[in-house]
Amino acid sequence: VRDNGVGIAPIHQGRIFEEFYQVANTERDRRRGFGLGLAIC
């Protein structure tokens, strides 16, 4: 699954599969998910 978006910095790539970890949702907008999707996947 490829996209041409903003990308993910190497410092975040090791943690994106953790629960509730979101790179670009510091305001915790629930419309942008809860940070559990990749952990479940």
PDB file of all heavy atoms in Angstrom:
ATOM      1  N   VAL A   1       0.877  -1.177   0.000  1.00  0.00           N
ATOM      2  CA  VAL A   1       0.000   0.000   0.000  1.00  0.00           C
ATOM      3  C   VAL A   1       0.908   1.218   0.000  1.00  0.00           C
ATOM      4  O   VAL A   1       1.589   1.501   0.991  1.00  0.00           O
ATOM      5  CB  VAL A   1      -0.946   0.004   1.223  1.00  0.00           C
ATOM      6  CG1 VAL A   1      -1.825   1.254   1.190  1.00  0.00           C
ATOM      7  CG2 VAL A   1      -1.801  -1.251   1.248  1.00  0.00           C
ATOM      8  N   ARG A   2       0.918   1.946  -1.122  1.00  0.00           N
ATOM      9  CA  ARG A   2       1.828   3.082  -1.295  1.00  0.00           C
ATOM     10  C   ARG A   2       1.037   4.379  -1.359  1.00  0.00           C
ATOM     11  O   ARG A   2      -0.069   4.421  -1.909  1.00  0.00           O
ATOM     12  CB  ARG A   2       2.646   2.930  -2.576  1.00  0.00           C
ATOM     13  CG  ARG A   2       3.410   1.611  -2.695  1.00  0.00           C
ATOM     14  CD  ARG A   2       4.105   1.546  -4.037  1.00  0.00           C
ATOM     15  NE  ARG A   2       4.742   0.255  -4.250  1.00  0.00           N
ATOM     16  CZ  ARG A   2       5.347  -0.111  -5.376  1.00  0.00           C
ATOM     17  NH1 ARG A   2       5.363   0.740  -6.409  1.00  0.00           N
ATOM     18  NH2 ARG A   2       5.898  -1.300  -5.481  1.00  0.00           N
ATOM     19  N   ASP A   3       1.625   5.415  -0.818  1.00  0.00           N
ATOM     20  CA  ASP A   3       1.052   6.756  -0.943  1.00  0.00           C
ATOM     21  C   ASP A   3       2.192   7.737  -1.155  1.00  0.00           C
ATOM     22  O   ASP A   3       3.359   7.439  -0.882  1.00  0.00           O
ATOM     23  CB  ASP A   3       0.225   7.127   0.295  1.00  0.00           C
ATOM     24  CG  ASP A   3       1.077   7.274   1.539  1.00  0.00           C
ATOM     25  OD1 ASP A   3       1.784   8.296   1.682  1.00  0.00           O
ATOM     26  OD2 ASP A   3       1.052   6.344   2.385  1.00  0.00           O
ATOM     27  N   ASN A   4       1.871   8.915  -1.668  1.00  0.00           N
ATOM     28  CA  ASN A   4       2.865   9.964  -1.878  1.00  0.00           C
ATOM     29  C   ASN A   4       2.635  11.122  -0.919  1.00  0.00           C
ATOM     30  O   ASN A   4       2.719  12.287  -1.299  1.00  0.00           O
ATOM     31  CB  ASN A   4       2.834  10.455  -3.327  1.00  0.00           C
ATOM     32  CG  ASN A   4       1.450  10.946  -3.741  1.00  0.00           C
ATOM     33  OD1 ASN A   4       0.486  10.802  -2.986  1.00  0.00           O
ATOM     34  ND2 ASN A   4       1.343  11.528  -4.925  1.00  0.00           N
ATOM     35  N   GLY A   5       2.330  10.766   0.326  1.00  0.00           N
ATOM     36  CA  GLY A   5       2.047  11.789   1.337  1.00  0.00           C
ATOM     37  C   GLY A   5       3.304  12.351   1.968  1.00  0.00           C
ATOM     38  O   GLY A   5       4.407  12.316   1.393  1.00  0.00           O
ATOM     39  N   VAL A   6       3.152  12.847   3.201  1.00  0.00           N
ATOM     40  CA  VAL A   6       4.249  13.548   3.870  1.00  0.00           C
ATOM     41  C   VAL A   6       5.319  12.580   4.354  1.00  0.00           C
ATOM     42  O   VAL A   6       6.442  12.979   4.639  1.00  0.00           O
ATOM     43  CB  VAL A   6       3.709  14.366   5.063  1.00  0.00           C
ATOM     44  CG1 VAL A   6       2.797  15.461   4.566  1.00  0.00           C
ATOM     45  CG2 VAL A   6       2.988  13.453   6.056  1.00  0.00           C
ATOM     46  N   GLY A   7       5.011  11.291   4.452  1.00  0.00           N
ATOM     47  CA  GLY A   7       5.997  10.327   4.901  1.00  0.00           C
ATOM     48  C   GLY A   7       6.128  10.290   6.418  1.00  0.00           C
ATOM     49  O   GLY A   7       5.514  11.076   7.153  1.00  0.00           O
ATOM     50  N   ILE A   8       6.948   9.370   6.874  1.00  0.00           N
ATOM     51  CA  ILE A   8       7.155   9.152   8.308  1.00  0.00           C
ATOM     52  C   ILE A   8       8.646   9.254   8.586  1.00  0.00           C
ATOM     53  O   ILE A   8       9.464   8.612   7.913  1.00  0.00           O
ATOM     54  CB  ILE A   8       6.628   7.770   8.755  1.00  0.00           C
ATOM     55  CG1 ILE A   8       5.153   7.614   8.370  1.00  0.00           C
ATOM     56  CG2 ILE A   8       6.816   7.581  10.251  1.00  0.00           C
ATOM     57  CD1 ILE A   8       4.625   6.215   8.600  1.00  0.00           C
ATOM     58  N   ALA A   9       9.008  10.055   9.556  1.00  0.00           N
ATOM     59  CA  ALA A   9      10.421  10.203   9.919  1.00  0.00           C
ATOM     60  C   ALA A   9      10.949   8.896  10.504  1.00  0.00           C
ATOM     61  O   ALA A   9      10.204   8.137  11.134  1.00  0.00           O
ATOM     62  CB  ALA A   9      10.590  11.340  10.923  1.00  0.00           C
ATOM     63  N   PRO A  10      12.240   8.601  10.293  1.00  0.00           N
ATOM     64  CA  PRO A  10      12.793   7.338  10.837  1.00  0.00           C
ATOM     65  C   PRO A  10      12.634   7.203  12.336  1.00  0.00           C
ATOM     66  O   PRO A  10      12.503   6.096  12.847  1.00  0.00           O
ATOM     67  CB  PRO A  10      14.268   7.412  10.427  1.00  0.00           C
ATOM     68  CG  PRO A  10      14.291   8.303   9.229  1.00  0.00           C
ATOM     69  CD  PRO A  10      13.208   9.318   9.467  1.00  0.00           C
ATOM     70  N   ILE A  11      12.613   8.336  13.050  1.00  0.00           N
ATOM     71  CA  ILE A  11      12.507   8.257  14.514  1.00  0.00           C
ATOM     72  C   ILE A  11      11.151   7.720  14.951  1.00  0.00           C
ATOM     73  O   ILE A  11      11.010   7.165  16.052  1.00  0.00           O
ATOM     74  CB  ILE A  11      12.783   9.656  15.125  1.00  0.00           C
ATOM     75  CG1 ILE A  11      12.969   9.539  16.632  1.00  0.00           C
ATOM     76  CG2 ILE A  11      11.660  10.618  14.787  1.00  0.00           C
ATOM     77  CD1 ILE A  11      13.378  10.842  17.279  1.00  0.00           C
ATOM     78  N   HIS A  12      10.117   7.872  14.081  1.00  0.00           N
ATOM     79  CA  HIS A  12       8.768   7.417  14.430  1.00  0.00           C
ATOM     80  C   HIS A  12       8.440   6.034  13.873  1.00  0.00           C
ATOM     81  O   HIS A  12       7.450   5.432  14.308  1.00  0.00           O
ATOM     82  CB  HIS A  12       7.724   8.412  13.905  1.00  0.00           C
ATOM     83  CG  HIS A  12       7.841   9.786  14.482  1.00  0.00           C
ATOM     84  ND1 HIS A  12       7.696  10.046  15.824  1.00  0.00           N
ATOM     85  CD2 HIS A  12       8.107  10.986  13.892  1.00  0.00           C
ATOM     86  CE1 HIS A  12       7.862  11.346  16.048  1.00  0.00           C
ATOM     87  NE2 HIS A  12       8.112  11.936  14.894  1.00  0.00           N
ATOM     88  N   GLN A  13       9.223   5.532  12.917  1.00  0.00           N
ATOM     89  CA  GLN A  13       8.853   4.287  12.235  1.00  0.00           C
ATOM     90  C   GLN A  13       8.867   3.084  13.161  1.00  0.00           C
ATOM     91  O   GLN A  13       8.146   2.120  12.927  1.00  0.00           O
ATOM     92  CB  GLN A  13       9.806   4.052  11.053  1.00  0.00           C
ATOM     93  CG  GLN A  13       9.641   5.072   9.947  1.00  0.00           C
ATOM     94  CD  GLN A  13      10.588   4.831   8.788  1.00  0.00           C
ATOM     95  OE1 GLN A  13      11.199   3.767   8.674  1.00  0.00           O
ATOM     96  NE2 GLN A  13      10.729   5.832   7.924  1.00  0.00           N
ATOM     97  N   GLY A  14       9.689   3.120  14.212  1.00  0.00           N
ATOM     98  CA  GLY A  14       9.734   1.997  15.136  1.00  0.00           C
ATOM     99  C   GLY A  14       8.601   1.984  16.139  1.00  0.00           C
ATOM    100  O   GLY A  14       8.417   0.991  16.855  1.00  0.00           O
ATOM    101  N   ARG A  15       7.808   3.083  16.219  1.00  0.00           N
ATOM    102  CA  ARG A  15       6.778   3.179  17.253  1.00  0.00           C
ATOM    103  C   ARG A  15       5.359   3.280  16.697  1.00  0.00           C
ATOM    104  O   ARG A  15       4.405   3.344  17.477  1.00  0.00           O
ATOM    105  CB  ARG A  15       7.048   4.404  18.130  1.00  0.00           C
ATOM    106  CG  ARG A  15       8.384   4.391  18.851  1.00  0.00           C
ATOM    107  CD  ARG A  15       8.438   5.498  19.881  1.00  0.00           C
ATOM    108  NE  ARG A  15       7.371   5.360  20.860  1.00  0.00           N
ATOM    109  CZ  ARG A  15       7.059   6.299  21.768  1.00  0.00           C
ATOM    110  NH1 ARG A  15       7.727   7.437  21.788  1.00  0.00           N
ATOM    111  NH2 ARG A  15       6.069   6.091  22.620  1.00  0.00           N
ATOM    112  N   ILE A  16       5.216   3.309  15.393  1.00  0.00           N
ATOM    113  CA  ILE A  16       3.874   3.516  14.844  1.00  0.00           C
ATOM    114  C   ILE A  16       2.972   2.315  15.081  1.00  0.00           C
ATOM    115  O   ILE A  16       1.748   2.421  14.928  1.00  0.00           O
ATOM    116  CB  ILE A  16       3.946   3.836  13.335  1.00  0.00           C
ATOM    117  CG1 ILE A  16       4.650   2.696  12.595  1.00  0.00           C
ATOM    118  CG2 ILE A  16       4.632   5.160  13.101  1.00  0.00           C
ATOM    119  CD1 ILE A  16       4.665   2.883  11.089  1.00  0.00           C
ATOM    120  N   PHE A  17       3.539   1.158  15.428  1.00  0.00           N
ATOM    121  CA  PHE A  17       2.725  -0.016  15.701  1.00  0.00           C
ATOM    122  C   PHE A  17       2.403  -0.159  17.183  1.00  0.00           C
ATOM    123  O   PHE A  17       1.860  -1.182  17.587  1.00  0.00           O
ATOM    124  CB  PHE A  17       3.435  -1.275  15.201  1.00  0.00           C
ATOM    125  CG  PHE A  17       3.598  -1.315  13.706  1.00  0.00           C
ATOM    126  CD1 PHE A  17       4.807  -0.998  13.119  1.00  0.00           C
ATOM    127  CD2 PHE A  17       2.531  -1.647  12.891  1.00  0.00           C
ATOM    128  CE1 PHE A  17       4.969  -1.037  11.750  1.00  0.00           C
ATOM    129  CE2 PHE A  17       2.678  -1.685  11.515  1.00  0.00           C
ATOM    130  CZ  PHE A  17       3.897  -1.371  10.936  1.00  0.00           C
ATOM    131  N   GLU A  18       2.736   0.868  17.980  1.00  0.00           N
ATOM    132  CA  GLU A  18       2.376   0.847  19.389  1.00  0.00           C
ATOM    133  C   GLU A  18       0.958   1.373  19.569  1.00  0.00           C
ATOM    134  O   GLU A  18       0.453   2.165  18.749  1.00  0.00           O
ATOM    135  CB  GLU A  18       3.353   1.701  20.206  1.00  0.00           C
ATOM    136  CG  GLU A  18       4.797   1.198  20.173  1.00  0.00           C
ATOM    137  CD  GLU A  18       5.723   2.100  20.954  1.00  0.00           C
ATOM    138  OE1 GLU A  18       5.218   3.058  21.598  1.00  0.00           O
ATOM    139  OE2 GLU A  18       6.940   1.872  20.929  1.00  0.00           O
ATOM    140  N   GLU A  19       0.342   0.941  20.683  1.00  0.00           N
ATOM    141  CA  GLU A  19      -1.018   1.387  20.953  1.00  0.00           C
ATOM    142  C   GLU A  19      -1.047   2.880  21.271  1.00  0.00           C
ATOM    143  O   GLU A  19      -0.184   3.391  21.994  1.00  0.00           O
ATOM    144  CB  GLU A  19      -1.635   0.607  22.127  1.00  0.00           C
ATOM    145  CG  GLU A  19      -1.752  -0.893  21.908  1.00  0.00           C
ATOM    146  CD  GLU A  19      -0.523  -1.630  22.326  1.00  0.00           C
ATOM    147  OE1 GLU A  19       0.514  -0.973  22.513  1.00  0.00           O
ATOM    148  OE2 GLU A  19      -0.575  -2.867  22.447  1.00  0.00           O
ATOM    149  N   PHE A  20      -2.043   3.577  20.710  1.00  0.00           N
ATOM    150  CA  PHE A  20      -2.324   5.000  20.974  1.00  0.00           C
ATOM    151  C   PHE A  20      -1.191   5.921  20.518  1.00  0.00           C
ATOM    152  O   PHE A  20      -1.126   7.072  20.939  1.00  0.00           O
ATOM    153  CB  PHE A  20      -2.609   5.247  22.473  1.00  0.00           C
ATOM    154  CG  PHE A  20      -3.774   4.483  23.006  1.00  0.00           C
ATOM    155  CD1 PHE A  20      -3.575   3.375  23.819  1.00  0.00           C
ATOM    156  CD2 PHE A  20      -5.064   4.848  22.683  1.00  0.00           C
ATOM    157  CE1 PHE A  20      -4.642   2.665  24.317  1.00  0.00           C
ATOM    158  CE2 PHE A  20      -6.147   4.139  23.171  1.00  0.00           C
ATOM    159  CZ  PHE A  20      -5.937   3.033  23.989  1.00  0.00           C
ATOM    160  N   TYR A  21      -0.274   5.426  19.669  1.00  0.00           N
ATOM    161  CA  TYR A  21       0.814   6.282  19.185  1.00  0.00           C
ATOM    162  C   TYR A  21       0.426   6.830  17.820  1.00  0.00           C
ATOM    163  O   TYR A  21       0.181   6.082  16.875  1.00  0.00           O
ATOM    164  CB  TYR A  21       2.120   5.491  19.071  1.00  0.00           C
ATOM    165  CG  TYR A  21       3.315   6.370  18.747  1.00  0.00           C
ATOM    166  CD1 TYR A  21       4.003   7.027  19.752  1.00  0.00           C
ATOM    167  CD2 TYR A  21       3.739   6.543  17.433  1.00  0.00           C
ATOM    168  CE1 TYR A  21       5.084   7.831  19.457  1.00  0.00           C
ATOM    169  CE2 TYR A  21       4.821   7.350  17.135  1.00  0.00           C
ATOM    170  CZ  TYR A  21       5.490   7.995  18.147  1.00  0.00           C
ATOM    171  OH  TYR A  21       6.567   8.803  17.865  1.00  0.00           O
ATOM    172  N   GLN A  22       0.338   8.152  17.724  1.00  0.00           N
ATOM    173  CA  GLN A  22       0.010   8.825  16.481  1.00  0.00           C
ATOM    174  C   GLN A  22       1.042   9.918  16.235  1.00  0.00           C
ATOM    175  O   GLN A  22       1.391  10.689  17.142  1.00  0.00           O
ATOM    176  CB  GLN A  22      -1.396   9.434  16.531  1.00  0.00           C
ATOM    177  CG  GLN A  22      -2.514   8.383  16.556  1.00  0.00           C
ATOM    178  CD  GLN A  22      -3.878   9.024  16.641  1.00  0.00           C
ATOM    179  OE1 GLN A  22      -4.237   9.617  17.652  1.00  0.00           O
ATOM    180  NE2 GLN A  22      -4.665   8.901  15.571  1.00  0.00           N
ATOM    181  N   VAL A  23       1.543   9.965  14.988  1.00  0.00           N
ATOM    182  CA  VAL A  23       2.625  10.906  14.665  1.00  0.00           C
ATOM    183  C   VAL A  23       2.085  12.326  14.532  1.00  0.00           C
ATOM    184  O   VAL A  23       2.634  13.264  15.100  1.00  0.00           O
ATOM    185  CB  VAL A  23       3.332  10.473  13.363  1.00  0.00           C
ATOM    186  CG1 VAL A  23       4.412  11.478  12.984  1.00  0.00           C
ATOM    187  CG2 VAL A  23       3.925   9.086  13.537  1.00  0.00           C
ATOM    188  N   ALA A  24       1.006  12.491  13.803  1.00  0.00           N
ATOM    189  CA  ALA A  24       0.537  13.848  13.473  1.00  0.00           C
ATOM    190  C   ALA A  24      -0.847  14.119  14.033  1.00  0.00           C
ATOM    191  O   ALA A  24      -1.687  14.721  13.370  1.00  0.00           O
ATOM    192  CB  ALA A  24       0.542  14.051  11.954  1.00  0.00           C
ATOM    193  N   ASN A  25      -1.110  13.676  15.246  1.00  0.00           N
ATOM    194  CA  ASN A  25      -2.413  13.939  15.857  1.00  0.00           C
ATOM    195  C   ASN A  25      -2.203  14.274  17.329  1.00  0.00           C
ATOM    196  O   ASN A  25      -2.743  13.621  18.215  1.00  0.00           O
ATOM    197  CB  ASN A  25      -3.330  12.722  15.703  1.00  0.00           C
ATOM    198  CG  ASN A  25      -4.772  13.035  16.087  1.00  0.00           C
ATOM    199  OD1 ASN A  25      -5.161  14.205  16.220  1.00  0.00           O
ATOM    200  ND2 ASN A  25      -5.566  11.999  16.291  1.00  0.00           N
ATOM    201  N   THR A  26      -1.381  15.285  17.562  1.00  0.00           N
ATOM    202  CA  THR A  26      -1.090  15.659  18.948  1.00  0.00           C
ATOM    203  C   THR A  26      -2.309  16.213  19.656  1.00  0.00           C
ATOM    204  O   THR A  26      -2.402  16.148  20.892  1.00  0.00           O
ATOM    205  CB  THR A  26       0.041  16.705  18.973  1.00  0.00           C
ATOM    206  OG1 THR A  26      -0.336  17.824  18.162  1.00  0.00           O
ATOM    207  CG2 THR A  26       1.333  16.106  18.426  1.00  0.00           C
ATOM    208  N   GLU A  27      -3.271  16.767  18.892  1.00  0.00           N
ATOM    209  CA  GLU A  27      -4.466  17.313  19.527  1.00  0.00           C
ATOM    210  C   GLU A  27      -5.497  16.232  19.824  1.00  0.00           C
ATOM    211  O   GLU A  27      -6.560  16.529  20.399  1.00  0.00           O
ATOM    212  CB  GLU A  27      -5.096  18.391  18.629  1.00  0.00           C
ATOM    213  CG  GLU A  27      -5.623  17.881  17.296  1.00  0.00           C
ATOM    214  CD  GLU A  27      -4.530  17.780  16.244  1.00  0.00           C
ATOM    215  OE1 GLU A  27      -3.347  17.948  16.604  1.00  0.00           O
ATOM    216  OE2 GLU A  27      -4.879  17.559  15.065  1.00  0.00           O
ATOM    217  N   ARG A  28      -5.178  14.949  19.440  1.00  0.00           N
ATOM    218  CA  ARG A  28      -6.039  13.802  19.725  1.00  0.00           C
ATOM    219  C   ARG A  28      -7.451  14.012  19.166  1.00  0.00           C
ATOM    220  O   ARG A  28      -8.462  13.837  19.856  1.00  0.00           O
ATOM    221  CB  ARG A  28      -6.124  13.524  21.228  1.00  0.00           C
ATOM    222  CG  ARG A  28      -4.800  13.371  21.937  1.00  0.00           C
ATOM    223  CD  ARG A  28      -3.964  12.260  21.372  1.00  0.00           C
ATOM    224  NE  ARG A  28      -4.619  10.971  21.517  1.00  0.00           N
ATOM    225  CZ  ARG A  28      -4.143   9.835  20.997  1.00  0.00           C
ATOM    226  NH1 ARG A  28      -3.035   9.862  20.272  1.00  0.00           N
ATOM    227  NH2 ARG A  28      -4.781   8.703  21.186  1.00  0.00           N
ATOM    228  N   ASP A  29      -7.513  14.380  17.879  1.00  0.00           N
ATOM    229  CA  ASP A  29      -8.799  14.528  17.214  1.00  0.00           C
ATOM    230  C   ASP A  29      -9.359  13.126  16.954  1.00  0.00           C
ATOM    231  O   ASP A  29      -8.750  12.318  16.238  1.00  0.00           O
ATOM    232  CB  ASP A  29      -8.609  15.282  15.890  1.00  0.00           C
ATOM    233  CG  ASP A  29      -9.937  15.549  15.195  1.00  0.00           C
ATOM    234  OD1 ASP A  29     -10.982  15.185  15.774  1.00  0.00           O
ATOM    235  OD2 ASP A  29      -9.912  16.083  14.080  1.00  0.00           O
ATOM    236  N   ARG A  30     -10.529  12.813  17.546  1.00  0.00           N
ATOM    237  CA  ARG A  30     -11.060  11.461  17.424  1.00  0.00           C
ATOM    238  C   ARG A  30     -11.474  11.139  15.998  1.00  0.00           C
ATOM    239  O   ARG A  30     -11.612   9.978  15.635  1.00  0.00           O
ATOM    240  CB  ARG A  30     -12.249  11.284  18.370  1.00  0.00           C
ATOM    241  CG  ARG A  30     -13.437  12.164  18.086  1.00  0.00           C
ATOM    242  CD  ARG A  30     -14.581  11.828  19.018  1.00  0.00           C
ATOM    243  NE  ARG A  30     -15.766  12.645  18.770  1.00  0.00           N
ATOM    244  CZ  ARG A  30     -16.023  13.779  19.390  1.00  0.00           C
ATOM    245  NH1 ARG A  30     -15.166  14.232  20.297  1.00  0.00           N
ATOM    246  NH2 ARG A  30     -17.131  14.457  19.126  1.00  0.00           N
ATOM    247  N   ARG A  31     -11.704  12.169  15.167  1.00  0.00           N
ATOM    248  CA  ARG A  31     -12.056  11.899  13.779  1.00  0.00           C
ATOM    249  C   ARG A  31     -10.871  11.344  12.992  1.00  0.00           C
ATOM    250  O   ARG A  31     -11.055  10.805  11.895  1.00  0.00           O
ATOM    251  CB  ARG A  31     -12.571  13.183  13.108  1.00  0.00           C
ATOM    252  CG  ARG A  31     -13.890  13.690  13.683  1.00  0.00           C
ATOM    253  CD  ARG A  31     -14.344  14.943  12.989  1.00  0.00           C
ATOM    254  NE  ARG A  31     -15.614  15.408  13.515  1.00  0.00           N
ATOM    255  CZ  ARG A  31     -15.722  16.182  14.596  1.00  0.00           C
ATOM    256  NH1 ARG A  31     -14.628  16.560  15.239  1.00  0.00           N
ATOM    257  NH2 ARG A  31     -16.911  16.566  15.020  1.00  0.00           N
ATOM    258  N   ARG A  32      -9.671  11.484  13.516  1.00  0.00           N
ATOM    259  CA  ARG A  32      -8.462  10.979  12.862  1.00  0.00           C
ATOM    260  C   ARG A  32      -7.984   9.684  13.493  1.00  0.00           C
ATOM    261  O   ARG A  32      -6.855   9.271  13.307  1.00  0.00           O
ATOM    262  CB  ARG A  32      -7.361  12.036  12.926  1.00  0.00           C
ATOM    263  CG  ARG A  32      -7.761  13.341  12.254  1.00  0.00           C
ATOM    264  CD  ARG A  32      -6.713  14.420  12.405  1.00  0.00           C
ATOM    265  NE  ARG A  32      -5.467  14.061  11.748  1.00  0.00           N
ATOM    266  CZ  ARG A  32      -4.384  14.834  11.744  1.00  0.00           C
ATOM    267  NH1 ARG A  32      -4.413  16.007  12.378  1.00  0.00           N
ATOM    268  NH2 ARG A  32      -3.292  14.449  11.129  1.00  0.00           N
ATOM    269  N   GLY A  33      -8.850   9.043  14.221  1.00  0.00           N
ATOM    270  CA  GLY A  33      -8.524   7.741  14.788  1.00  0.00           C
ATOM    271  C   GLY A  33      -7.993   7.857  16.203  1.00  0.00           C
ATOM    272  O   GLY A  33      -7.795   8.954  16.748  1.00  0.00           O
ATOM    273  N   PHE A  34      -7.752   6.690  16.781  1.00  0.00           N
ATOM    274  CA  PHE A  34      -7.293   6.630  18.171  1.00  0.00           C
ATOM    275  C   PHE A  34      -5.879   6.062  18.316  1.00  0.00           C
ATOM    276  O   PHE A  34      -5.396   5.893  19.425  1.00  0.00           O
ATOM    277  CB  PHE A  34      -8.248   5.756  18.996  1.00  0.00           C
ATOM    278  CG  PHE A  34      -9.661   6.261  19.012  1.00  0.00           C
ATOM    279  CD1 PHE A  34     -10.619   5.733  18.157  1.00  0.00           C
ATOM    280  CD2 PHE A  34     -10.035   7.289  19.868  1.00  0.00           C
ATOM    281  CE1 PHE A  34     -11.916   6.196  18.164  1.00  0.00           C
ATOM    282  CE2 PHE A  34     -11.332   7.753  19.883  1.00  0.00           C
ATOM    283  CZ  PHE A  34     -12.281   7.208  19.032  1.00  0.00           C
ATOM    284  N   GLY A  35      -5.226   5.736  17.188  1.00  0.00           N
ATOM    285  CA  GLY A  35      -3.879   5.181  17.277  1.00  0.00           C
ATOM    286  C   GLY A  35      -3.849   3.702  17.596  1.00  0.00           C
ATOM    287  O   GLY A  35      -2.842   3.194  18.093  1.00  0.00           O
ATOM    288  N   LEU A  36      -4.940   3.005  17.314  1.00  0.00           N
ATOM    289  CA  LEU A  36      -4.997   1.566  17.589  1.00  0.00           C
ATOM    290  C   LEU A  36      -5.024   0.717  16.327  1.00  0.00           C
ATOM    291  O   LEU A  36      -4.858  -0.502  16.402  1.00  0.00           O
ATOM    292  CB  LEU A  36      -6.246   1.240  18.428  1.00  0.00           C
ATOM    293  CG  LEU A  36      -6.269   1.818  19.845  1.00  0.00           C
ATOM    294  CD1 LEU A  36      -7.611   1.519  20.492  1.00  0.00           C
ATOM    295  CD2 LEU A  36      -5.144   1.243  20.680  1.00  0.00           C
ATOM    296  N   GLY A  37      -5.247   1.351  15.177  1.00  0.00           N
ATOM    297  CA  GLY A  37      -5.406   0.581  13.951  1.00  0.00           C
ATOM    298  C   GLY A  37      -4.164  -0.214  13.586  1.00  0.00           C
ATOM    299  O   GLY A  37      -4.234  -1.419  13.317  1.00  0.00           O
ATOM    300  N   LEU A  38      -2.983   0.439  13.552  1.00  0.00           N
ATOM    301  CA  LEU A  38      -1.758  -0.266  13.185  1.00  0.00           C
ATOM    302  C   LEU A  38      -1.377  -1.297  14.237  1.00  0.00           C
ATOM    303  O   LEU A  38      -0.807  -2.347  13.907  1.00  0.00           O
ATOM    304  CB  LEU A  38      -0.617   0.729  12.970  1.00  0.00           C
ATOM    305  CG  LEU A  38      -0.716   1.591  11.702  1.00  0.00           C
ATOM    306  CD1 LEU A  38       0.457   2.544  11.616  1.00  0.00           C
ATOM    307  CD2 LEU A  38      -0.762   0.711  10.458  1.00  0.00           C
ATOM    308  N   ALA A  39      -1.652  -1.011  15.504  1.00  0.00           N
ATOM    309  CA  ALA A  39      -1.363  -2.000  16.548  1.00  0.00           C
ATOM    310  C   ALA A  39      -2.191  -3.262  16.337  1.00  0.00           C
ATOM    311  O   ALA A  39      -1.700  -4.390  16.472  1.00  0.00           O
ATOM    312  CB  ALA A  39      -1.635  -1.398  17.930  1.00  0.00           C
ATOM    313  N   ILE A  40      -3.483  -3.079  15.981  1.00  0.00           N
ATOM    314  CA  ILE A  40      -4.336  -4.238  15.708  1.00  0.00           C
ATOM    315  C   ILE A  40      -3.850  -4.965  14.454  1.00  0.00           C
ATOM    316  O   ILE A  40      -3.787  -6.204  14.419  1.00  0.00           O
ATOM    317  CB  ILE A  40      -5.798  -3.787  15.565  1.00  0.00           C
ATOM    318  CG1 ILE A  40      -6.311  -3.238  16.909  1.00  0.00           C
ATOM    319  CG2 ILE A  40      -6.673  -4.921  15.070  1.00  0.00           C
ATOM    320  CD1 ILE A  40      -7.703  -2.647  16.831  1.00  0.00           C
ATOM    321  N   CYS A  41      -3.483  -4.207  13.416  1.00  0.00           N
ATOM    322  CA  CYS A  41      -3.005  -4.831  12.180  1.00  0.00           C
ATOM    323  C   CYS A  41      -1.733  -5.639  12.423  1.00  0.00           C
ATOM    324  O   CYS A  41      -1.553  -6.721  11.853  1.00  0.00           O
ATOM    325  CB  CYS A  41      -2.758  -3.767  11.117  1.00  0.00           C
ATOM    326  SG  CYS A  41      -4.277  -3.024  10.471  1.00  0.00           S
TER     327      CYS A  41
END
